Amino acid sequence: MEDFQKVDEDERRKARRLQRLVDFALAVIRQGNLPLDEVHRVVEAVRQYAYREYPDKKETFELIYTPRFRRAVGERYGYQ
């Protein structure tokens, strides 16, 4: 039972870290202080982190987070 609790806690920790990274990246995008090419690098870094941590959830990442990133970039930089 203890092993299952450890796995659950590890998964929650990974999920919280990914959410914090996404939130941070979105905040950086919305500030608009970076050139657009740097914004794309930030988004790609978050994507690669998610792919490493959740290799079987790439499609889920693209369905949930890619539209959020596109919307934030479009709102701040005027295009997607």
N, C-alpha and C. Protein backbone atom coordinates (compact mmCIF):
# COMPACT_ATOMS: atom_id res chain seq x y z
N MET A 1 0.82 -1.20 0.00
CA MET A 1 0.00 0.00 0.00
C MET A 1 0.87 1.26 0.00
N GLU A 2 1.94 1.23 0.76
CA GLU A 2 2.83 2.38 0.86
C GLU A 2 3.46 2.72 -0.49
N ASP A 3 3.80 1.70 -1.29
CA ASP A 3 4.37 1.92 -2.62
C ASP A 3 3.39 2.66 -3.52
N PHE A 4 2.12 2.29 -3.44
CA PHE A 4 1.10 2.97 -4.25
C PHE A 4 0.95 4.43 -3.85
N GLN A 5 1.03 4.69 -2.57
CA GLN A 5 0.96 6.07 -2.10
C GLN A 5 2.14 6.87 -2.60
N LYS A 6 3.30 6.26 -2.63
CA LYS A 6 4.51 6.94 -3.13
C LYS A 6 4.35 7.26 -4.60
N VAL A 7 3.86 6.32 -5.37
CA VAL A 7 3.65 6.54 -6.80
C VAL A 7 2.63 7.65 -7.01
N ASP A 8 1.54 7.61 -6.27
CA ASP A 8 0.52 8.66 -6.39
C ASP A 8 1.09 10.03 -6.07
N GLU A 9 1.90 10.10 -5.01
CA GLU A 9 2.49 11.39 -4.64
C GLU A 9 3.47 11.86 -5.70
N ASP A 10 4.25 10.95 -6.26
CA ASP A 10 5.18 11.32 -7.33
C ASP A 10 4.43 11.85 -8.54
N GLU A 11 3.34 11.20 -8.88
CA GLU A 11 2.53 11.66 -10.03
C GLU A 11 1.92 13.04 -9.75
N ARG A 12 1.43 13.24 -8.56
CA ARG A 12 0.88 14.56 -8.20
C ARG A 12 1.96 15.63 -8.27
N ARG A 13 3.16 15.29 -7.80
CA ARG A 13 4.27 16.24 -7.83
C ARG A 13 4.63 16.59 -9.28
N LYS A 14 4.69 15.59 -10.14
CA LYS A 14 4.99 15.83 -11.56
C LYS A 14 3.91 16.70 -12.20
N ALA A 15 2.66 16.41 -11.89
CA ALA A 15 1.56 17.18 -12.47
C ALA A 15 1.59 18.64 -11.99
N ARG A 16 1.88 18.84 -10.71
CA ARG A 16 1.97 20.21 -10.18
C ARG A 16 3.13 20.97 -10.83
N ARG A 17 4.24 20.29 -11.03
CA ARG A 17 5.39 20.96 -11.66
C ARG A 17 5.06 21.36 -13.09
N LEU A 18 4.44 20.46 -13.83
CA LEU A 18 4.05 20.80 -15.20
C LEU A 18 3.09 21.98 -15.20
N GLN A 19 2.11 21.98 -14.30
CA GLN A 19 1.15 23.08 -14.25
C GLN A 19 1.85 24.39 -13.91
N ARG A 20 2.80 24.36 -13.00
CA ARG A 20 3.54 25.58 -12.66
C ARG A 20 4.34 26.08 -13.86
N LEU A 21 4.96 25.17 -14.59
CA LEU A 21 5.72 25.57 -15.78
C LEU A 21 4.80 26.19 -16.84
N VAL A 22 3.66 25.58 -17.05
CA VAL A 22 2.69 26.13 -18.02
C VAL A 22 2.23 27.51 -17.56
N ASP A 23 1.87 27.63 -16.31
CA ASP A 23 1.41 28.92 -15.78
C ASP A 23 2.50 29.98 -15.92
N PHE A 24 3.74 29.62 -15.61
CA PHE A 24 4.84 30.57 -15.73
C PHE A 24 5.04 30.98 -17.19
N ALA A 25 5.03 30.01 -18.08
CA ALA A 25 5.21 30.32 -19.51
C ALA A 25 4.09 31.23 -20.00
N LEU A 26 2.86 30.97 -19.60
CA LEU A 26 1.75 31.83 -20.01
C LEU A 26 1.91 33.24 -19.45
N ALA A 27 2.39 33.36 -18.23
CA ALA A 27 2.62 34.68 -17.64
C ALA A 27 3.69 35.43 -18.41
N VAL A 28 4.76 34.74 -18.77
CA VAL A 28 5.84 35.37 -19.55
C VAL A 28 5.30 35.84 -20.90
N ILE A 29 4.51 35.01 -21.54
CA ILE A 29 3.93 35.37 -22.83
C ILE A 29 3.05 36.61 -22.68
N ARG A 30 2.22 36.62 -21.69
CA ARG A 30 1.27 37.74 -21.50
C ARG A 30 1.97 39.04 -21.13
N GLN A 31 3.15 38.97 -20.54
CA GLN A 31 3.90 40.18 -20.23
C GLN A 31 4.38 40.85 -21.50
N GLY A 32 4.69 40.04 -22.50
CA GLY A 32 5.10 40.59 -23.79
C GLY A 32 6.48 41.20 -23.82
N ASN A 33 7.34 40.85 -22.88
CA ASN A 33 8.68 41.42 -22.83
C ASN A 33 9.70 40.67 -23.68
N LEU A 34 9.34 39.51 -24.20
CA LEU A 34 10.26 38.71 -24.99
C LEU A 34 9.96 38.84 -26.48
N PRO A 35 10.97 38.73 -27.30
CA PRO A 35 10.72 38.65 -28.74
C PRO A 35 9.95 37.36 -29.03
N LEU A 36 9.21 37.37 -30.11
CA LEU A 36 8.36 36.24 -30.44
C LEU A 36 9.15 34.94 -30.60
N ASP A 37 10.34 34.99 -31.18
CA ASP A 37 11.11 33.75 -31.33
C ASP A 37 11.49 33.16 -29.98
N GLU A 38 11.74 34.03 -29.00
CA GLU A 38 12.04 33.54 -27.65
C GLU A 38 10.79 32.94 -27.00
N VAL A 39 9.65 33.53 -27.25
CA VAL A 39 8.39 32.98 -26.74
C VAL A 39 8.19 31.56 -27.28
N HIS A 40 8.47 31.38 -28.56
CA HIS A 40 8.33 30.05 -29.15
C HIS A 40 9.30 29.05 -28.51
N ARG A 41 10.48 29.51 -28.15
CA ARG A 41 11.43 28.63 -27.47
C ARG A 41 10.94 28.25 -26.07
N VAL A 42 10.32 29.19 -25.37
CA VAL A 42 9.77 28.90 -24.05
C VAL A 42 8.68 27.84 -24.16
N VAL A 43 7.77 28.04 -25.10
CA VAL A 43 6.68 27.07 -25.29
C VAL A 43 7.25 25.71 -25.66
N GLU A 44 8.22 25.68 -26.53
CA GLU A 44 8.82 24.40 -26.94
C GLU A 44 9.52 23.73 -25.76
N ALA A 45 10.15 24.49 -24.89
CA ALA A 45 10.81 23.91 -23.72
C ALA A 45 9.78 23.26 -22.80
N VAL A 46 8.65 23.92 -22.59
CA VAL A 46 7.59 23.33 -21.77
C VAL A 46 7.06 22.06 -22.43
N ARG A 47 6.85 22.12 -23.74
CA ARG A 47 6.37 20.94 -24.48
C ARG A 47 7.34 19.77 -24.32
N GLN A 48 8.62 20.01 -24.49
CA GLN A 48 9.60 18.93 -24.38
C GLN A 48 9.67 18.37 -22.96
N TYR A 49 9.52 19.24 -21.97
CA TYR A 49 9.47 18.76 -20.59
C TYR A 49 8.27 17.82 -20.41
N ALA A 50 7.11 18.26 -20.89
CA ALA A 50 5.89 17.44 -20.76
C ALA A 50 6.05 16.11 -21.49
N TYR A 51 6.64 16.14 -22.67
CA TYR A 51 6.85 14.91 -23.43
C TYR A 51 7.79 13.95 -22.70
N ARG A 52 8.81 14.49 -22.04
CA ARG A 52 9.73 13.63 -21.28
C ARG A 52 9.04 13.01 -20.06
N GLU A 53 8.28 13.83 -19.37
CA GLU A 53 7.62 13.35 -18.14
C GLU A 53 6.41 12.46 -18.43
N TYR A 54 5.74 12.72 -19.53
CA TYR A 54 4.52 11.99 -19.90
C TYR A 54 4.60 11.57 -21.37
N PRO A 55 5.49 10.65 -21.70
CA PRO A 55 5.69 10.29 -23.11
C PRO A 55 4.44 9.71 -23.78
N ASP A 56 3.56 9.13 -23.00
CA ASP A 56 2.34 8.56 -23.57
C ASP A 56 1.18 9.55 -23.61
N LYS A 57 1.43 10.80 -23.23
CA LYS A 57 0.36 11.81 -23.16
C LYS A 57 0.61 13.00 -24.08
N LYS A 58 1.38 12.79 -25.15
CA LYS A 58 1.69 13.90 -26.06
C LYS A 58 0.42 14.50 -26.66
N GLU A 59 -0.49 13.66 -27.10
CA GLU A 59 -1.72 14.16 -27.70
C GLU A 59 -2.55 14.95 -26.68
N THR A 60 -2.55 14.49 -25.46
CA THR A 60 -3.27 15.21 -24.40
C THR A 60 -2.68 16.59 -24.20
N PHE A 61 -1.35 16.68 -24.17
CA PHE A 61 -0.70 17.99 -24.04
C PHE A 61 -1.14 18.90 -25.18
N GLU A 62 -1.09 18.38 -26.40
CA GLU A 62 -1.44 19.20 -27.57
C GLU A 62 -2.90 19.64 -27.52
N LEU A 63 -3.77 18.80 -27.04
CA LEU A 63 -5.19 19.16 -26.96
C LEU A 63 -5.48 20.19 -25.87
N ILE A 64 -4.78 20.08 -24.76
CA ILE A 64 -5.07 20.96 -23.62
C ILE A 64 -4.25 22.24 -23.65
N TYR A 65 -2.93 22.12 -23.84
CA TYR A 65 -2.07 23.28 -23.64
C TYR A 65 -1.74 24.06 -24.91
N THR A 66 -1.62 23.40 -26.04
CA THR A 66 -1.29 24.14 -27.26
C THR A 66 -2.30 25.24 -27.57
N PRO A 67 -3.61 24.98 -27.47
CA PRO A 67 -4.55 26.09 -27.70
C PRO A 67 -4.39 27.24 -26.72
N ARG A 68 -4.06 26.93 -25.48
CA ARG A 68 -3.85 28.00 -24.49
C ARG A 68 -2.64 28.85 -24.87
N PHE A 69 -1.55 28.19 -25.27
CA PHE A 69 -0.37 28.94 -25.69
C PHE A 69 -0.67 29.77 -26.94
N ARG A 70 -1.34 29.20 -27.91
CA ARG A 70 -1.68 29.94 -29.13
C ARG A 70 -2.54 31.15 -28.83
N ARG A 71 -3.51 30.96 -27.96
CA ARG A 71 -4.40 32.07 -27.60
C ARG A 71 -3.61 33.19 -26.91
N ALA A 72 -2.73 32.84 -25.98
CA ALA A 72 -1.94 33.85 -25.26
C ALA A 72 -1.01 34.59 -26.22
N VAL A 73 -0.37 33.85 -27.13
CA VAL A 73 0.52 34.49 -28.10
C VAL A 73 -0.29 35.40 -29.01
N GLY A 74 -1.42 34.93 -29.48
CA GLY A 74 -2.27 35.74 -30.35
C GLY A 74 -2.76 37.01 -29.68
N GLU A 75 -3.15 36.90 -28.41
CA GLU A 75 -3.63 38.07 -27.67
C GLU A 75 -2.52 39.10 -27.46
N ARG A 76 -1.33 38.62 -27.18
CA ARG A 76 -0.25 39.55 -26.84
C ARG A 76 0.51 40.06 -28.06
N TYR A 77 0.71 39.19 -29.05
CA TYR A 77 1.54 39.54 -30.20
C TYR A 77 0.72 39.79 -31.45
N GLY A 78 -0.57 39.60 -31.37
CA GLY A 78 -1.46 39.95 -32.47
C GLY A 78 -1.61 38.90 -33.55
N TYR A 79 -0.93 37.79 -33.40
CA TYR A 79 -1.06 36.70 -34.36
C TYR A 79 -0.60 35.41 -33.68
N GLN A 80 -0.87 34.31 -34.38
CA GLN A 80 -0.54 33.01 -33.78
C GLN A 80 0.45 32.34 -34.61
